Each structure stands twice: as C-alpha cells, then as structure tokens.
C-alpha cells in the first residue's frame, strides 16, 4: 500500500512541478525571471523546513534496563525488563537496539508520522483552491491572453520544427546532466566523506546541511541576480563556477585537505543553485515557447538523471575508489557545459540565418515596390 501511495504521490508531484514552472513562463514571459527563481527557492526552503516539522511526529526512542535475553518455550526471542517483572517479545516486529555493556535495550515507540502527512495534505488543499478558482475564472480569457503574450515578444530562433526538435533534445541532455549532478552531489556527499576521508557521520551530516544552506541561499540571491544579467550569461558563469568548484573538490579529495572540501562544497551549492530555473527562462525567452508538453520532457530528462546516476556511482565507488564520486560529477559538469556551448552556438547560427533571410526578403520587397512606383510614374 505504501509503495502504491508513494508512486501516486510521485506522479502528482511531477504534474505539480510541470504545471508550476510552465505557468510562470506562460503568465509573465520574460518579465517572470525573478518569479521563476522565487518558485524554485521555495522548493529548497521547503526541503530545509520539512524535517523540523516532521521531527516531533517521528517514533521516540525509549531506553529500558534489561537483564538479558532468553528463548521462550515456543522458540521466540525475548528480553527480561529489569524491575518490571515482564518479558518483552522481540519477534513481534518491534524495532530495537541493544547496548550489552550497559545492559539496556532501546525501543522505538509507535510513530505518529501520519500527522505530518495530514499537515501536508491540508496545506496542499488550502493552496490549491485559489488556483482552481483562478482557472475557472480565467478559462474563457486564455486564448486572448496567449495571443497577447505571443505578440508581445518574439523569440529570435527559427520556428522550423526540425530546429525546435534539435534544441529540445539538447536541452533535455542539459537537464539530465544537471539534475544528475545536483542530486548525486548531496546524496553521496556524506558517504564520500565517511568512506574516503575518514570523517564521522556527524561531520558528514553537518557538511551536507551546510551545502543545502548554501544552495538555498544561492536560490534566494538568484531572485535579484536575474535582474542584472541575461539568462545565458548566468548559465555560462554558474557552470564555470560548478566546474571550478568540483576541480577544487577533486584536489581536496586527492590530498585529503578538509578545508578544500568544506570551501568547495559551499561554492558548489551556490553555483548549482539557480541553473535549473535559469534554463527554463533562457529556453522560453530565446529559443522556443515552453509549453506544458516541453516542460514534461524536461522533467522526464531531469528525473532520469537522478534515477540512473546512483547505479554506476555506487558500482564505481565500491569497486574501485570513492574518488569516482568526484570524477564522475566533474565529467558530467564539463559535458553539460559543452552541451550548453553547442546549444548557444547553434541558436546564434539559426538567428543569423533567419536575419539574413529576413534581410533578403525585405530587400526583394523594396525592389518590387520601387519597380511598381517606376511603372506607375510612366
């Protein structure tokens, strides 16, 4: 049941992500850069706040003195509780751990995590109602608003279907590689620090939290940075920062320099923060209209990167060396930067061809008008 529910939740969350990002670019167009950054900042902020909301409802741990284990007549494992004249059956699905030196047993009591789900459900319904009202109210005006938006700004890239397909495929590669790097970096950071650098789990956990704090801070700052630079410029600058940060991480791993790991983990969080929403903004402003279908393709590509990366990361880290964690991240980041460069050059080439075509058409039209004028004067 839990697996089925989680599957359905994933489907609906995917639709939520697709609809939210598409609605931002559809509503505000090029004026919505900061709204796109703000939307994605709330995702990062929610990831930080959610554990604090859920923690009070998790199963508490209870420590009870024990006198040792024994086997009952029916072959079950049990533990005698000191001072309680009671035997606890450990074969009834109870979660526990034993401290033999202190003769204690730690038991996890019943969880109340369902209350956290109820809170999430209530908030989700409360915030979805206004969107439903807006949809019902504005449904009749959708065509006129769309026409206004398309006339308000025109994307310079060729409207050829072939060009559009090529651009969509290359952008899907970018989303795939970016999301693979972003998700894998945070997921395996503590594992790398513990397995390779010999850190404690608490140190690795603190570093992961600091990374997420830097990531969230970067997305918040992105709300204001997008006013200063064009989306494509931001993408190049931030991808260069990602590559430099991962090179620093590789050096820190090779020379076991903890300070480099700390410094470049923070810079990686800042560098990775605004790339995802900026790719949406760049695509809609400069390449082609980002519809719901195209957004779905982007999210499928991003999810595939998140899903496939752990397979070969885990294998290479266990079979060879944990340093493959950084080697692969650096390789994927460099490859993503190369794809970005190809998309940029290709789009510039299409723009130049389109400009030359328009210029030829205008020149030909001027010549025709001149001939008509000359003939009419005779």
Foldseek 3Di string as FASTA:
>chain_A
DVVVVVVVVVVVVLLVVLVVLQCQCQQQPLNRQLVLLVVLLVVLVCVVVLCVVQVVQAFDKDKFAWDDWDADPVGFIWTHTPPPRDIGTPPPPWDWDADVVRRIIITGHDGRSVVSVVVVVVVVVVVVVVVVVVCVVCVVVVVVSNVVVCVVDPALFDPDPVQQVVLLVLLLLLLLLLLLLVLLCLVCQLVLCCAQLVDDSVVSVVLSVLLSVLLSVLSVVSSVVCVPDQLLVLLLVLLVQLLVLLVLCLVCRVVSPVVSVSVSSSSNSNSSRCNVSSSSSCCCRHNHNCHSVSSSSSVVSNVVSNVPSCVVLVVCCVVPNNSVSSVVSSVSSVVSSVSSVVSVVSRVVSSVVVVVVVVVVVVVVVVVVVVVVVVVVD
